[in-house]
Structures are given as C-alpha cells and as structure tokens.
Protein backbone atom coordinates (compact mmCIF):
# COMPACT_ATOMS: atom_id res chain seq x y z
CA MET A 1 63.55 67.20 21.48
CA LYS A 2 66.01 69.29 19.51
CA ALA A 3 68.47 71.55 21.29
CA PRO A 4 67.95 75.26 20.63
CA ARG A 5 69.97 76.61 17.73
CA HIS A 6 72.33 79.42 18.60
CA ASN A 7 73.18 82.32 16.31
CA LEU A 8 76.96 82.28 16.07
CA ASP A 9 76.98 85.69 14.41
CA ARG A 10 75.39 87.45 17.35
CA PRO A 11 76.34 86.53 20.93
CA GLU A 12 73.34 85.80 23.15
CA ALA A 13 74.80 88.02 25.86
CA THR A 14 77.51 90.55 25.43
CA PRO A 15 79.22 91.27 28.75
CA GLY A 16 79.13 94.91 29.71
CA VAL A 17 76.92 96.26 26.94
CA ASP A 18 73.71 96.42 28.94
CA THR A 19 75.42 97.91 32.00
CA VAL A 20 77.93 100.26 30.37
CA GLN A 21 77.90 103.77 31.79
CA GLN A 22 75.90 106.07 29.52
CA HIS A 23 76.98 109.48 28.29
CA THR A 24 74.60 112.39 28.37
CA LEU A 25 73.59 113.48 24.88
CA ALA A 26 75.58 116.71 25.29
CA THR A 27 78.69 114.78 26.31
CA SER A 28 78.29 112.41 23.40
CA VAL A 29 77.90 115.25 20.90
CA ALA A 30 81.02 116.93 22.28
CA LEU A 31 83.08 113.72 22.14
CA HIS A 32 81.91 113.03 18.60
CA LEU A 33 82.59 116.50 17.22
CA PHE A 34 85.60 117.85 19.16
CA PRO A 35 88.19 115.71 17.30
CA GLY A 36 86.63 116.90 14.04
CA VAL A 37 87.10 120.53 15.07
CA LEU A 38 90.77 119.82 15.80
CA ALA A 39 91.29 117.90 12.57
CA ALA A 40 89.57 120.55 10.41
CA THR A 41 91.60 123.30 12.09
CA ALA A 42 94.83 121.40 11.48
CA PHE A 43 93.86 120.80 7.86
CA TYR A 44 92.87 124.37 7.01
CA VAL A 45 95.89 125.87 8.79
CA THR A 46 98.55 123.59 7.30
CA ALA A 47 97.15 122.97 3.80
CA PRO A 48 98.03 126.43 2.38
CA LEU A 49 101.58 126.04 3.70
CA LEU A 50 101.98 122.67 2.01
CA VAL A 51 100.46 123.93 -1.25
CA ASP A 52 102.94 126.82 -1.27
CA ALA A 53 105.73 124.26 -0.73
CA GLY A 54 104.64 122.26 -3.77
CA TYR A 55 102.63 119.54 -2.04
CA PRO A 56 98.91 118.85 -2.47
CA ALA A 57 96.52 119.72 0.33
CA ILE A 58 95.92 116.01 0.96
CA GLY A 59 99.26 116.13 2.77
CA ALA A 60 97.56 118.27 5.42
CA ALA A 61 94.83 115.63 5.75
CA ILE A 62 97.52 112.99 6.25
CA LEU A 63 99.16 115.10 8.98
CA ALA A 64 95.78 115.75 10.63
CA ALA A 65 95.00 112.03 10.55
CA GLY A 66 98.29 111.15 12.21
CA ILE A 67 98.30 113.87 14.84
CA VAL A 68 94.61 114.40 15.63
CA ILE A 69 92.70 111.28 14.63
CA VAL A 70 95.30 108.71 15.67
CA GLY A 71 96.90 110.78 18.41
CA VAL A 72 93.88 112.38 20.06
CA GLU A 73 91.27 109.63 19.61
CA LEU A 74 93.59 106.75 20.46
CA GLY A 75 95.04 108.85 23.27
CA TRP A 76 91.56 109.34 24.72
CA LEU A 77 90.89 105.59 24.64
CA LEU A 78 94.21 104.88 26.34
CA ARG A 79 93.44 107.53 28.97
CA GLU A 80 90.00 106.08 29.62
CA ALA A 81 91.39 102.55 29.88
CA HIS A 82 94.02 103.61 32.39
CA ARG A 83 91.61 105.78 34.37
CA ARG A 84 88.94 103.10 34.64
CA THR A 85 91.01 99.93 34.94
CA GLY A 86 94.57 100.95 35.74
CA SER A 87 95.81 99.29 32.54
CA TRP A 88 96.50 100.65 29.07
CA ARG A 89 94.44 97.98 27.28
CA VAL A 90 92.03 99.83 25.01
CA GLY A 91 89.82 96.77 24.79
CA ASP A 92 88.90 97.23 28.44
CA VAL A 93 86.75 100.27 27.56
CA LEU A 94 85.20 98.78 24.42
CA PRO A 95 82.10 96.92 25.68
CA TYR A 96 81.44 94.83 22.59
CA ARG A 97 82.83 91.31 22.94
CA PRO A 98 81.99 89.70 19.60
CA GLY A 99 81.98 86.03 18.82
CA PRO A 100 84.05 84.46 16.03
CA PHE A 101 84.26 86.25 12.70
CA THR A 102 82.13 83.79 10.73
CA TRP A 103 81.87 83.42 6.98
CA ARG A 104 78.42 85.01 7.19
CA LYS A 105 79.95 88.13 8.71
CA GLY A 106 82.49 88.14 5.91
CA LEU A 107 79.73 88.04 3.29
CA LEU A 108 77.86 90.73 5.19
CA ALA A 109 80.93 92.98 5.17
CA LEU A 110 81.30 92.38 1.41
CA ALA A 111 77.65 93.28 0.80
CA LEU A 112 78.03 96.46 2.87
CA LEU A 113 81.14 97.35 0.87
CA VAL A 114 79.18 96.94 -2.37
CA TRP A 115 76.45 99.18 -0.94
CA GLY A 116 79.01 101.84 -0.04
CA VAL A 117 80.55 101.77 -3.52
CA ALA A 118 77.12 101.95 -5.18
CA VAL A 119 76.11 105.01 -3.12
CA SER A 120 79.48 106.66 -3.78
CA MET A 121 78.93 106.29 -7.52
CA LEU A 122 75.76 108.40 -7.26
CA GLY A 123 77.99 111.45 -6.74
CA ILE A 124 75.81 113.01 -4.04
CA GLY A 125 78.76 114.62 -2.28
CA GLY A 126 80.07 116.07 -5.53
CA SER A 127 76.69 117.56 -6.41
CA ILE A 128 76.38 119.24 -2.99
CA LYS A 129 79.95 120.50 -3.24
CA ASP A 130 79.35 122.06 -6.65
CA SER A 131 76.04 123.59 -5.60
CA PHE A 132 76.86 125.01 -2.17
CA PHE A 133 80.62 125.02 -1.59
CA SER A 134 82.15 126.34 -4.81
CA TRP A 135 83.25 129.47 -2.88
CA MET A 136 85.81 127.44 -0.92
CA PRO A 137 89.52 127.32 -1.91
CA GLN A 138 90.24 124.98 -4.80
CA TRP A 139 92.79 123.06 -2.73
CA ALA A 140 90.04 122.26 -0.19
CA LEU A 141 87.60 121.13 -2.88
CA ASP A 142 90.23 119.03 -4.66
CA PRO A 143 93.00 118.20 -2.14
CA LEU A 144 94.75 115.78 -4.50
CA PRO A 145 94.54 117.32 -7.99
CA ALA A 146 95.38 115.20 -11.01
CA SER A 147 98.02 117.78 -11.99
CA PHE A 148 100.19 116.72 -9.03
CA ALA A 149 101.09 113.55 -10.96
CA ASP A 150 102.82 115.83 -13.52
CA THR A 151 104.07 118.69 -11.34
CA GLY A 152 105.13 116.94 -8.15
CA SER A 153 108.58 115.44 -7.72
CA SER A 154 108.92 111.65 -7.64
CA SER A 155 109.84 111.70 -3.95
CA ALA A 156 106.86 113.92 -3.11
CA GLN A 157 104.49 111.65 -5.01
CA ILE A 158 105.79 108.55 -3.21
CA LEU A 159 105.60 110.32 0.15
CA ILE A 160 101.98 111.34 -0.43
CA ALA A 161 100.96 107.92 -1.75
CA VAL A 162 102.57 106.03 1.14
CA GLY A 163 101.32 108.51 3.75
CA TYR A 164 97.81 108.24 2.34
CA LEU A 165 97.96 104.43 2.50
CA VAL A 166 99.34 104.25 6.04
CA PHE A 167 97.23 106.97 7.67
CA LEU A 168 94.08 107.48 5.59
CA VAL A 169 93.53 103.86 4.58
CA PHE A 170 94.66 101.91 7.63
CA LEU A 171 95.43 103.79 10.85
CA ALA A 172 92.79 106.55 10.85
CA PRO A 173 89.83 104.26 9.92
CA TRP A 174 90.94 101.67 12.49
CA VAL A 175 91.19 104.24 15.29
CA GLU A 176 87.96 105.97 14.25
CA GLU A 177 86.06 102.69 14.45
CA LEU A 178 87.51 101.92 17.88
CA TYR A 179 86.61 105.41 19.11
CA PHE A 180 83.23 106.05 17.45
CA ARG A 181 81.74 102.54 17.28
CA GLY A 182 83.69 100.72 19.97
CA TYR A 183 83.65 103.44 22.63
CA LEU A 184 80.99 106.08 21.86
CA LEU A 185 78.17 104.01 20.31
CA PRO A 186 77.64 101.68 23.30
CA ARG A 187 77.47 104.70 25.60
CA ILE A 188 74.29 105.94 23.95
CA SER A 189 72.79 102.44 23.68
CA ARG A 190 69.76 103.51 25.75
CA PHE A 191 68.35 104.99 22.53
CA GLY A 192 68.21 101.53 20.95
CA ALA A 193 68.43 101.53 17.14
CA TRP A 194 68.21 105.32 17.21
CA SER A 195 71.71 105.33 18.72
CA VAL A 196 73.00 104.22 15.32
CA LEU A 197 71.39 107.18 13.56
CA ILE A 198 72.75 109.56 16.20
CA ASN A 199 76.21 108.04 15.94
CA VAL A 200 76.44 107.98 12.15
CA THR A 201 75.05 111.52 11.80
CA LEU A 202 77.51 112.90 14.33
CA PHE A 203 80.34 110.93 12.72
CA ALA A 204 79.46 112.36 9.31
CA SER A 205 79.27 115.85 10.84
CA TYR A 206 82.69 115.33 12.42
CA HIS A 207 84.19 115.45 8.92
CA LEU A 208 84.26 119.24 9.07
CA TRP A 209 87.10 119.43 6.57
CA LYS A 210 84.66 118.23 3.86
CA PRO A 211 81.16 119.29 4.96
CA TRP A 212 79.65 118.52 1.55
CA ASP A 213 80.03 114.80 2.31
CA LEU A 214 77.65 114.73 5.30
CA VAL A 215 74.63 113.26 3.48
CA ASN A 216 76.83 110.96 1.41
CA LEU A 217 78.56 109.52 4.48
CA VAL A 218 75.28 108.91 6.33
CA LEU A 219 73.85 106.98 3.38
CA ILE A 220 77.03 104.99 2.83
CA LEU A 221 77.74 104.08 6.44
CA ALA A 222 74.36 103.79 8.18
CA PRO A 223 73.75 100.15 7.15
CA THR A 224 77.26 99.16 8.25
CA TYR A 225 76.95 100.80 11.64
CA TYR A 226 73.50 99.34 12.16
CA MET A 227 75.02 95.88 11.73
CA VAL A 228 77.90 96.80 14.05
CA TRP A 229 75.30 97.75 16.68
CA ARG A 230 73.06 94.75 16.07
CA LEU A 231 75.84 92.14 16.05
CA LYS A 232 77.97 93.95 18.64
CA ASP A 233 81.02 93.52 16.42
CA ILE A 234 83.16 96.54 15.54
CA ARG A 235 85.26 94.39 13.22
CA ILE A 236 82.54 94.76 10.58
CA GLY A 237 82.89 98.54 10.69
CA ILE A 238 86.68 98.34 10.63
CA ALA A 239 86.67 96.00 7.62
CA VAL A 240 84.20 98.07 5.58
CA HIS A 241 85.79 101.42 6.49
CA ILE A 242 89.31 100.29 5.55
CA ALA A 243 88.07 98.59 2.39
CA LEU A 244 86.23 101.72 1.19
CA ASN A 245 89.24 103.95 1.80
CA GLY A 246 91.51 101.30 0.29
CA LEU A 247 89.46 101.21 -2.90
CA GLY A 248 89.81 104.97 -3.20
CA TRP A 249 93.59 104.68 -2.84
CA THR A 250 93.83 101.77 -5.28
CA LEU A 251 91.73 103.43 -7.97
CA ASN A 252 92.61 107.11 -7.61
CA VAL A 253 95.97 107.46 -5.86
CA ALA A 254 98.27 104.55 -6.65
CA PRO A 255 97.81 104.59 -10.46
CA ASP A 256 98.70 108.30 -10.73
CA LEU A 257 101.44 108.59 -8.10
CA LEU A 258 103.11 105.19 -8.09
CA LEU A 259 102.48 103.56 -11.45
CA ASP A 260 102.89 106.41 -13.96
C-alpha cells in the first residue's frame, strides 16, 4: 500500500490560521484604508512643495512610502507583536507559516508576474485616468515626467532614482505584503475565498493617491493574492509585488535618470 502523497507547496495544517482572532468587517475596512488616507494626504500636501523646489512629485510618493507605509504599517505590526506576545517579532502576529519555497512556487510567482505585466499593458488605468481624472493637477497625473531627465540636476535625478528603488521597489511592497496579506487577510479568513476579493479591493482602494488605478490593481493582483491565501505563503505576494515595481523602475526610471 502506497503512503499518501503530501503537497509540499501547501502545508496540511498551518498553525494559528484557523484559530486567529477575526476582525469585524468595519475594523478591517478601517485598517485597510487608514494608512492610505495618511499616505494620500502626505503626497498631496508635500508634492506641490517639491515641484516648486524643482523635484518631481514622485519625490512626495517616496517620502510618503518611507514615513507612512513603512513607518505606520510596520509600526502597527511591531505594536501588535509586542502587545500580544511581549516581543517585537513581527512574525508572531503573521499566522501563515509556509513550507519551503519550492520550485513550483517559483514558477507560480513567475506566471503571476507575467499575468501582471500583461494586464498592465492593457492600459486600463491610463484610460480611466484620461476619461475621469483629467481635472487633477498634472503633477498628480504624471508624478515623474519625462522632462525631469532634462531639467533636473544630476544629484536630484540620482536621489529620486535611488529613493524610488529603495522605498517604492523594495521597502514599501515588502511592508505592505506583511501588513495586508500577512496580518489583515488571515483576520477575515471566515469569508473563505471571498476574503481575497475583500482584501484586494480594499488594498486597491487604499491607493488613494492614484484612484484611477483601482480596477487595474484588482485585475493585476487578485490571482496573486488568491494563491497567497490558498497556499498560506506571503512570500509569493512579496516576490510578485517587488518584481512588478522593480520592472517599472528598470524600464521607466533607471534608463532616464541613471543611464542618460
């Protein structure tokens, strides 16, 4: 008689997931959207000041990512870890305990990246922006204009390119995945697969500084976050999120600001 075959990609039992304390829907909505309110406020308050100083508005997004996304969201996780366990280990409040990162998960992450790129190329966000948000300031619609490569000083261009890479490619996506998928998603797990739709829709809505991207973000990220939920492995979300942002930096930022 053959021994049962185990799925190494998905642990048979994930400690803590089934018993994790659930948030009310109102609490979950608030925790999803409140950091977005802070980040959008920081962006729209500081961007005009930076533009007047000769920097692109993307500099305000970099500041908001460092102060609000990394500071507030990671700070909340540290607070929750210390309050619940007495330690500062963020992992103690992230219920998912995934198994090894197998080659199949690597291929899955690659496929999800290809899906995200394919949806991005449809230009859905751009179409919505042109149709419904053309009344907004130009610096909000185009926070890193191509003209900055010609008008900005060399030091300013390097500062923006490096800040973008550090905060918008690596730190902010990493913290967002810990906060939204590692912490918030398991706490609405009573909704089953619907928790993924709730989570991804609220996460897309949280991007209040670019509201035209809501539909685009849901379509791009829903398959990734479904697999995060199904396999109980936030590393898939982290890998895809960083890779998508990294592609944007590699194709649109580095060539203009660092290589010209």
